[in-house]
């Protein structure tokens, strides 16, 4: 086995100040990734990996000499679509951003127009269509998304957007990934603040943390606590959550040993939502089962697709009026040891020139109601709308 470089073997430790690192990110120059385990900033592109195949990526990284032996990028929602993975020229690492972050002044609110795709009433009809399919027994769950297309009065700068996301929730998984431009002269960036870890591998431990089932937060502490307790007791949400956890466990069992699965979910919170959460762990015994390999074994989970997966994927393709691209895919990194971290591309948007596309989705199960699912997507859209200084209307 080819040995890896010292740069790869170093942990995500205090090599740089995380706030300074955050402030130095610029679109078109590299990618940013941060979470509870640390922060990572890449610059430049040494190699664009032509394949998202995990085994090929690991072989390529282990064959490199000098410089970073790490791949960073994004996986699309559709596993058959091309991934975007690069080996950067430079990598800087830092400790986590921490609980409190002063990220500097944000930019001016974006001025422009926002167009819902589809219109809210049409989204409710989409949910009704999914519920009708469930009555036939074809589906147990499906996740349906909608988008907001923002046309600004001038170029949109994603730098203050990322800083504002960090200021609001520095403990979330924050990402800003350069994507191939589809228009000349404008960097294309996927950025967001995801609450959900798809999978990480660190040394001897593999961890997955599926989320499913959510409720809007309240500014009133007593009401907020009541909503969290109500979510934890909700039969509808616990059923939705159990479908996701069962699928994650089923897909991990063939590739890891001795899975540790809690008896039931717990509550986690973001600034806007409560979520049901379950953390699944297992020892990492196969050195060739990289974080990317394991993430691809799980993706797409029922948290972003549905159950059964083939029927849910088909329903999404038939019902949703757009191609999701990298939304509800995964973003992250993997290195030559097989370590890495991949998070769900949620609470995110794509910025290019004067155009911004934002997404949000909701998990539909037989007990769902169209108006409630529309309201849930509106709450989820707030994360990025607030970073832009926009209202949905």
Protein backbone atom coordinates (compact mmCIF):
# COMPACT_ATOMS: atom_id res chain seq x y z
CA UNK A 1 0.00 0.00 0.00
CA UNK A 2 1.37 3.42 -0.90
CA UNK A 3 2.07 5.56 2.17
CA UNK A 4 0.32 8.87 2.54
CA UNK A 5 1.92 12.23 3.11
CA UNK A 6 2.31 13.83 6.57
CA UNK A 7 -0.15 16.54 5.50
CA UNK A 8 -2.88 13.92 5.16
CA UNK A 9 -1.99 12.18 8.42
CA UNK A 10 -2.31 15.40 10.42
CA UNK A 11 -5.69 15.72 12.18
CA UNK A 12 -8.06 18.62 11.67
CA UNK A 13 -6.23 20.50 14.41
CA UNK A 14 -5.36 24.09 15.23
CA UNK A 15 -3.25 24.83 12.16
CA UNK A 16 -5.01 28.13 11.42
CA UNK A 17 -7.48 30.47 13.06
CA UNK A 18 -10.93 29.36 11.82
CA UNK A 19 -12.40 32.87 11.62
CA UNK A 20 -9.41 34.14 9.64
CA UNK A 21 -9.75 31.15 7.38
CA UNK A 22 -13.46 31.80 6.86
CA UNK A 23 -12.80 35.43 5.98
CA UNK A 24 -10.21 34.44 3.37
CA UNK A 25 -12.55 32.25 1.29
CA UNK A 26 -13.37 33.64 -2.16
CA UNK A 27 -15.61 32.09 -4.86
CA UNK A 28 -13.77 30.65 -7.82
CA UNK A 29 -10.58 30.15 -5.80
CA UNK A 30 -11.44 27.07 -3.76
CA UNK A 31 -13.89 25.49 -1.35
CA UNK A 32 -14.82 25.88 2.32
CA UNK A 33 -16.05 23.13 4.62
CA UNK A 34 -16.57 23.31 8.39
CA UNK A 35 -18.39 21.43 11.11
CA UNK A 36 -18.11 20.31 14.73
CA UNK A 37 -14.80 18.51 14.00
CA UNK A 38 -13.00 21.40 12.33
CA UNK A 39 -12.69 23.64 9.29
CA UNK A 40 -11.01 23.19 5.93
CA UNK A 41 -10.22 25.68 3.16
CA UNK A 42 -8.87 24.60 -0.22
CA UNK A 43 -7.29 26.70 -2.93
CA UNK A 44 -6.64 25.95 -6.57
CA UNK A 45 -7.16 22.77 -8.56
CA UNK A 46 -4.31 20.31 -8.95
CA UNK A 47 -6.45 17.63 -10.59
CA UNK A 48 -10.07 17.38 -11.67
CA UNK A 49 -11.03 13.78 -10.97
CA UNK A 50 -12.84 12.41 -14.03
CA UNK A 51 -14.78 9.81 -12.05
CA UNK A 52 -16.71 9.82 -8.81
CA UNK A 53 -15.99 6.10 -8.37
CA UNK A 54 -14.80 5.77 -4.77
CA UNK A 55 -12.25 3.03 -5.46
CA UNK A 56 -10.73 4.99 -8.35
CA UNK A 57 -10.58 8.16 -6.23
CA UNK A 58 -8.81 6.31 -3.39
CA UNK A 59 -6.28 4.76 -5.80
CA UNK A 60 -5.59 8.18 -7.32
CA UNK A 61 -5.04 9.80 -3.93
CA UNK A 62 -2.73 7.03 -2.75
CA UNK A 63 -0.64 7.39 -5.89
CA UNK A 64 0.03 11.12 -5.45
CA UNK A 65 3.45 12.40 -4.44
CA UNK A 66 3.78 15.77 -2.72
CA UNK A 67 1.05 18.25 -1.97
CA UNK A 68 -2.39 17.47 -0.55
CA UNK A 69 -3.64 13.91 -0.98
CA UNK A 70 -7.26 14.85 -0.51
CA UNK A 71 -10.33 15.16 -2.75
CA UNK A 72 -13.06 17.70 -2.10
CA UNK A 73 -16.31 18.47 -3.88
CA UNK A 74 -19.94 17.52 -4.35
CA UNK A 75 -22.04 14.49 -5.27
CA UNK A 76 -25.31 15.04 -7.17
CA UNK A 77 -28.70 13.83 -5.96
CA UNK A 78 -28.87 11.38 -8.87
CA UNK A 79 -26.12 8.78 -8.24
CA UNK A 80 -25.83 8.16 -11.99
CA UNK A 81 -25.02 11.83 -12.73
CA UNK A 82 -21.39 13.09 -12.76
CA UNK A 83 -19.83 14.02 -9.44
CA UNK A 84 -17.62 17.10 -9.07
CA UNK A 85 -14.40 16.17 -7.25
CA UNK A 86 -11.02 17.90 -7.33
CA UNK A 87 -7.61 17.49 -5.72
CA UNK A 88 -6.71 21.01 -4.55
CA UNK A 89 -3.30 22.63 -4.76
CA UNK A 90 -3.39 23.87 -1.16
CA UNK A 91 -5.30 22.93 2.00
CA UNK A 92 -5.52 24.82 5.27
CA UNK A 93 -7.18 23.38 8.38
CA UNK A 94 -8.45 24.87 11.61
CA UNK A 95 -10.36 24.09 14.77
CA UNK A 96 -14.18 24.35 14.73
CA UNK A 97 -15.67 27.82 14.45
CA UNK A 98 -17.17 27.42 17.92
CA UNK A 99 -20.44 28.40 19.52
CA UNK A 100 -20.10 32.15 19.01
CA UNK A 101 -18.74 33.76 15.89
CA UNK A 102 -18.25 37.37 14.91
CA UNK A 103 -17.72 37.04 11.19
CA UNK A 104 -17.52 40.72 10.36
CA UNK A 105 -20.12 42.94 8.71
CA UNK A 106 -22.40 41.29 6.17
CA UNK A 107 -23.17 42.64 2.74
CA UNK A 108 -26.11 44.76 1.77
CA UNK A 109 -29.41 42.91 1.27
CA UNK A 110 -29.84 41.58 -2.25
CA UNK A 111 -32.26 43.57 -4.36
CA UNK A 112 -34.20 41.64 -6.96
CA UNK A 113 -37.16 39.38 -7.60
CA UNK A 114 -37.89 35.84 -6.42
CA UNK A 115 -39.97 33.38 -8.44
CA UNK A 116 -41.27 30.16 -6.86
CA UNK A 117 -40.80 26.95 -8.87
CA UNK A 118 -43.41 25.59 -8.71
CA UNK A 119 -45.95 28.08 -7.34
CA UNK A 120 -47.02 27.27 -3.74
CA UNK A 121 -50.45 26.01 -4.83
CA UNK A 122 -48.83 23.69 -7.35
CA UNK A 123 -46.50 22.33 -4.67
CA UNK A 124 -49.53 21.41 -2.58
CA UNK A 125 -50.89 19.54 -5.60
CA UNK A 126 -47.55 17.71 -5.87
CA UNK A 127 -47.91 16.57 -2.27
CA UNK A 128 -51.49 15.44 -2.97
CA UNK A 129 -50.22 13.42 -5.95
CA UNK A 130 -47.64 11.71 -3.74
CA UNK A 131 -50.31 10.91 -1.13
CA UNK A 132 -52.48 9.38 -3.86
CA UNK A 133 -49.60 7.10 -4.86
CA UNK A 134 -49.18 6.07 -1.23
CA UNK A 135 -52.82 4.98 -1.10
CA UNK A 136 -52.03 2.40 -3.81
CA UNK A 137 -49.15 1.01 -1.73
CA UNK A 138 -46.50 2.12 -4.22
CA UNK A 139 -44.75 4.42 -1.73
CA UNK A 140 -44.12 4.61 2.01
CA UNK A 141 -42.36 7.97 1.87
CA UNK A 142 -41.14 10.46 -0.73
CA UNK A 143 -39.32 13.78 -0.35
CA UNK A 144 -40.60 16.55 -2.61
CA UNK A 145 -38.66 19.76 -3.16
CA UNK A 146 -39.42 23.21 -4.46
CA UNK A 147 -37.15 26.08 -5.44
CA UNK A 148 -36.95 29.86 -5.46
CA UNK A 149 -35.31 31.47 -8.48
CA UNK A 150 -33.85 34.85 -7.53
CA UNK A 151 -32.86 37.34 -10.22
CA UNK A 152 -30.87 40.13 -8.58
CA UNK A 153 -30.34 43.65 -9.84
CA UNK A 154 -26.61 42.95 -10.10
CA UNK A 155 -24.01 40.23 -9.40
CA UNK A 156 -24.58 38.43 -6.09
CA UNK A 157 -21.54 38.08 -3.84
CA UNK A 158 -21.62 34.74 -1.97
CA UNK A 159 -18.92 35.86 0.50
CA UNK A 160 -21.26 37.80 2.84
CA UNK A 161 -23.83 35.01 2.44
CA UNK A 162 -21.41 32.41 3.81
CA UNK A 163 -20.33 34.72 6.62
CA UNK A 164 -23.94 35.41 7.58
CA UNK A 165 -24.72 31.69 7.62
CA UNK A 166 -21.71 31.20 9.88
CA UNK A 167 -22.76 34.03 12.18
CA UNK A 168 -26.25 32.59 12.58
CA UNK A 169 -25.22 28.98 13.14
CA UNK A 170 -21.44 28.38 13.38
CA UNK A 171 -21.98 24.84 14.69
CA UNK A 172 -23.76 23.67 11.53
CA UNK A 173 -22.00 22.08 8.58
CA UNK A 174 -21.08 25.14 6.50
CA UNK A 175 -19.94 24.68 2.93
CA UNK A 176 -19.10 26.68 -0.17
CA UNK A 177 -18.03 24.52 -3.10
CA UNK A 178 -16.89 25.75 -6.50
CA UNK A 179 -18.80 24.04 -9.32
CA UNK A 180 -18.05 24.06 -13.05
CA UNK A 181 -19.43 27.31 -14.50
CA UNK A 182 -22.26 26.93 -17.00
CA UNK A 183 -22.03 30.59 -18.04
CA UNK A 184 -18.78 32.34 -19.04
CA UNK A 185 -17.28 34.90 -16.70
CA UNK A 186 -19.17 34.01 -13.51
CA UNK A 187 -18.06 31.67 -10.73
CA UNK A 188 -20.67 29.07 -9.78
CA UNK A 189 -20.92 28.27 -6.08
CA UNK A 190 -22.97 25.81 -4.06
CA UNK A 191 -23.19 27.07 -0.49
CA UNK A 192 -25.28 26.36 2.56
CA UNK A 193 -25.58 25.46 6.24
CA UNK A 194 -26.60 21.82 6.49
CA UNK A 195 -27.79 20.26 9.75
CA UNK A 196 -27.19 16.69 8.60
CA UNK A 197 -24.10 14.51 8.52
CA UNK A 198 -24.43 11.81 5.87
CA UNK A 199 -21.30 9.94 6.94
CA UNK A 200 -17.86 10.48 8.40
CA UNK A 201 -14.90 8.21 8.82
CA UNK A 202 -12.18 9.24 11.26
CA UNK A 203 -9.52 6.73 12.15
CA UNK A 204 -11.30 3.69 13.55
CA UNK A 205 -14.83 5.12 13.66
CA UNK A 206 -17.60 5.43 11.08
CA UNK A 207 -20.51 7.72 11.99
CA UNK A 208 -23.83 8.49 10.28
CA UNK A 209 -26.39 10.91 11.68
CA UNK A 210 -29.71 10.76 9.79
CA UNK A 211 -32.31 13.44 10.48
CA UNK A 212 -35.99 13.14 9.59
CA UNK A 213 -39.04 14.74 11.16
CA UNK A 214 -38.97 18.46 11.90
CA UNK A 215 -40.89 21.28 13.54
CA UNK A 216 -40.52 25.06 13.37
CA UNK A 217 -38.80 26.78 16.30
CA UNK A 218 -40.47 29.59 18.29
CA UNK A 219 -38.97 32.75 19.77
CA UNK A 220 -40.96 32.11 22.96
CA UNK A 221 -38.92 29.67 25.14
CA UNK A 222 -41.93 27.86 26.56
CA UNK A 223 -43.60 27.47 23.17
CA UNK A 224 -40.29 26.43 21.61
CA UNK A 225 -39.83 23.71 24.22
CA UNK A 226 -43.41 22.55 23.72
CA UNK A 227 -42.87 22.22 19.96
CA UNK A 228 -39.74 20.14 20.51
CA UNK A 229 -41.51 17.82 22.94
CA UNK A 230 -44.47 17.52 20.59
CA UNK A 231 -42.15 16.54 17.73
CA UNK A 232 -40.44 13.90 19.85
CA UNK A 233 -43.85 12.41 20.72
CA UNK A 234 -45.31 12.66 17.18
CA UNK A 235 -46.24 9.23 15.77
CA UNK A 236 -46.16 10.62 12.21
CA UNK A 237 -42.66 12.08 12.57
CA UNK A 238 -41.25 9.11 14.47
CA UNK A 239 -42.54 6.82 11.69
CA UNK A 240 -40.86 8.99 9.05
CA UNK A 241 -37.65 8.99 11.08
CA UNK A 242 -37.71 5.21 11.62
CA UNK A 243 -37.92 4.64 7.84
CA UNK A 244 -34.73 6.64 7.35
CA UNK A 245 -32.78 4.98 10.18
CA UNK A 246 -33.80 1.48 9.03
CA UNK A 247 -32.55 2.21 5.51
CA UNK A 248 -29.22 3.63 6.77
CA UNK A 249 -28.67 0.54 8.96
CA UNK A 250 -29.57 -1.84 6.11
CA UNK A 251 -27.13 -0.17 3.71
CA UNK A 252 -24.25 0.05 6.21
CA UNK A 253 -24.43 -3.53 7.52
CA UNK A 254 -22.77 -5.10 4.42
CA UNK A 255 -19.78 -2.71 4.61
CA UNK A 256 -19.16 -2.27 8.38
CA UNK A 257 -19.31 -4.50 11.46
CA UNK A 258 -20.91 -4.12 14.89
CA UNK A 259 -23.28 -1.24 14.19
CA UNK A 260 -24.29 0.71 17.29
CA UNK A 261 -27.89 1.91 16.86
CA UNK A 262 -29.78 3.79 19.63
CA UNK A 263 -33.27 2.61 20.57
CA UNK A 264 -34.94 5.86 19.50
CA UNK A 265 -34.31 9.38 18.25
CA UNK A 266 -33.31 12.46 20.18
CA UNK A 267 -33.92 16.15 19.46
CA UNK A 268 -31.45 18.48 17.77
CA UNK A 269 -32.08 22.09 16.85
CA UNK A 270 -31.01 24.70 14.34
CA UNK A 271 -31.95 28.39 14.55
CA UNK A 272 -35.18 27.69 12.64
CA UNK A 273 -36.11 24.03 13.19
CA UNK A 274 -36.23 21.10 15.62
CA UNK A 275 -35.20 17.76 14.10
CA UNK A 276 -35.41 14.13 15.15
CA UNK A 277 -31.88 12.71 15.12
CA UNK A 278 -30.24 9.30 15.47
CA UNK A 279 -26.47 8.78 15.52
CA UNK A 280 -25.27 5.41 14.18
CA UNK A 281 -21.66 4.30 14.77
CA UNK A 282 -19.47 1.39 13.77
CA UNK A 283 -15.76 0.49 13.81
CA UNK A 284 -13.90 1.15 10.58
CA UNK A 285 -12.24 -2.19 9.88
CA UNK A 286 -11.69 -2.10 6.10
CA UNK A 287 -8.98 0.39 5.04
CA UNK A 288 -10.35 0.43 1.49
CA UNK A 289 -13.89 1.38 2.59
CA UNK A 290 -13.26 5.13 2.38
CA UNK A 291 -15.61 7.82 3.61
CA UNK A 292 -16.59 8.44 -0.02
CA UNK A 293 -17.26 4.71 -0.58
CA UNK A 294 -19.49 4.54 2.52
CA UNK A 295 -21.28 7.80 1.71
CA UNK A 296 -22.12 6.50 -1.76
CA UNK A 297 -23.44 3.26 -0.22
CA UNK A 298 -25.96 5.36 1.74
CA UNK A 299 -26.85 8.02 -0.82
CA UNK A 300 -29.57 8.98 -1.46
CA UNK A 301 -31.09 8.15 1.92
CA UNK A 302 -34.84 8.27 2.60
CA UNK A 303 -34.19 11.64 4.25
CA UNK A 304 -33.83 13.17 0.77
CA UNK A 305 -35.42 10.54 -1.49
CA UNK A 306 -37.93 8.12 0.03
CA UNK A 307 -38.96 4.51 0.60
CA UNK A 308 -38.76 2.27 -1.38
CA UNK A 309 -35.89 4.12 -2.99
CA UNK A 310 -36.51 3.14 -6.66
CA UNK A 311 -40.20 4.06 -6.49
CA UNK A 312 -39.47 7.29 -4.60
CA UNK A 313 -36.76 8.31 -7.08
CA UNK A 314 -39.14 7.66 -9.96
CA UNK A 315 -41.87 9.73 -8.27
CA UNK A 316 -39.46 12.63 -7.75
CA UNK A 317 -38.44 12.52 -11.41
CA UNK A 318 -42.07 12.51 -12.54
CA UNK A 319 -43.53 15.04 -10.06
CA UNK A 320 -40.83 17.67 -9.49
CA UNK A 321 -40.55 20.30 -12.27
CA UNK A 322 -36.74 20.57 -12.22
CA UNK A 323 -33.49 18.64 -12.03
CA UNK A 324 -32.15 18.88 -8.47
CA UNK A 325 -28.52 18.83 -9.58
CA UNK A 326 -26.37 18.90 -6.44
CA UNK A 327 -29.25 19.82 -4.10
CA UNK A 328 -29.88 16.86 -1.73
CA UNK A 329 -26.60 15.40 -2.91
CA UNK A 330 -23.59 15.51 -0.61
CA UNK A 331 -20.61 17.81 -0.08
CA UNK A 332 -17.37 17.08 1.70
CA UNK A 333 -13.94 15.52 1.42
CA UNK A 334 -12.02 12.26 1.58
CA UNK A 335 -8.28 11.58 1.90
CA UNK A 336 -5.78 8.87 1.03
CA UNK A 337 -6.28 7.08 4.36
CA UNK A 338 -10.00 6.80 3.63
CA UNK A 339 -10.93 9.34 6.28
CA UNK A 340 -13.37 12.08 5.39
CA UNK A 341 -16.69 13.76 6.01
CA UNK A 342 -19.76 14.06 3.77
CA UNK A 343 -22.87 16.05 4.66
CA UNK A 344 -26.24 16.37 2.98
CA UNK A 345 -26.53 19.34 0.63
CA UNK A 346 -29.48 20.88 2.47
CA UNK A 347 -30.39 24.48 3.42
CA UNK A 348 -28.38 25.49 0.40
CA UNK A 349 -28.39 27.57 -2.74
CA UNK A 350 -26.47 27.94 -5.96
CA UNK A 351 -25.06 31.35 -6.88
CA UNK A 352 -23.82 32.39 -10.29
CA UNK A 353 -23.66 35.98 -11.48
CA UNK A 354 -26.98 37.71 -10.79
CA UNK A 355 -28.88 34.40 -10.35
CA UNK A 356 -29.49 32.47 -7.15
CA UNK A 357 -31.47 29.26 -6.85
CA UNK A 358 -32.61 28.17 -3.38
CA UNK A 359 -34.20 24.83 -2.51
CA UNK A 360 -36.21 23.25 0.28
CA UNK A 361 -38.01 19.94 0.60
CA UNK A 362 -40.31 18.00 2.90
CA UNK A 363 -40.75 14.33 3.63
CA UNK A 364 -44.21 13.11 2.63
CA UNK A 365 -45.73 10.13 4.47
CA UNK A 366 -49.38 8.95 4.57
CA UNK A 367 -50.20 11.23 7.53
CA UNK A 368 -48.87 14.35 5.74
CA UNK A 369 -51.06 17.32 4.83
CA UNK A 370 -50.20 19.45 1.78
CA UNK A 371 -50.51 22.80 3.57
CA UNK A 372 -48.27 21.63 6.42
CA UNK A 373 -45.57 20.40 4.05
CA UNK A 374 -45.62 23.70 2.15
CA UNK A 375 -45.21 25.55 5.46
CA UNK A 376 -42.25 23.33 6.36
CA UNK A 377 -40.47 24.20 3.12
CA UNK A 378 -41.07 27.89 3.79
CA UNK A 379 -39.34 27.60 7.18
CA UNK A 380 -36.40 25.78 5.61
CA UNK A 381 -36.04 28.42 2.89
CA UNK A 382 -35.63 31.09 5.56
CA UNK A 383 -32.04 30.00 6.25
CA UNK A 384 -30.81 31.16 2.85
CA UNK A 385 -33.34 33.96 2.39
CA UNK A 386 -32.13 35.55 5.62
CA UNK A 387 -28.53 35.29 4.41
CA UNK A 388 -29.59 37.13 1.24
CA UNK A 389 -31.74 39.66 3.10
CA UNK A 390 -34.79 38.61 1.04
CA UNK A 391 -38.39 37.62 1.69
CA UNK A 392 -39.99 34.77 -0.27
CA UNK A 393 -42.57 37.16 -1.63
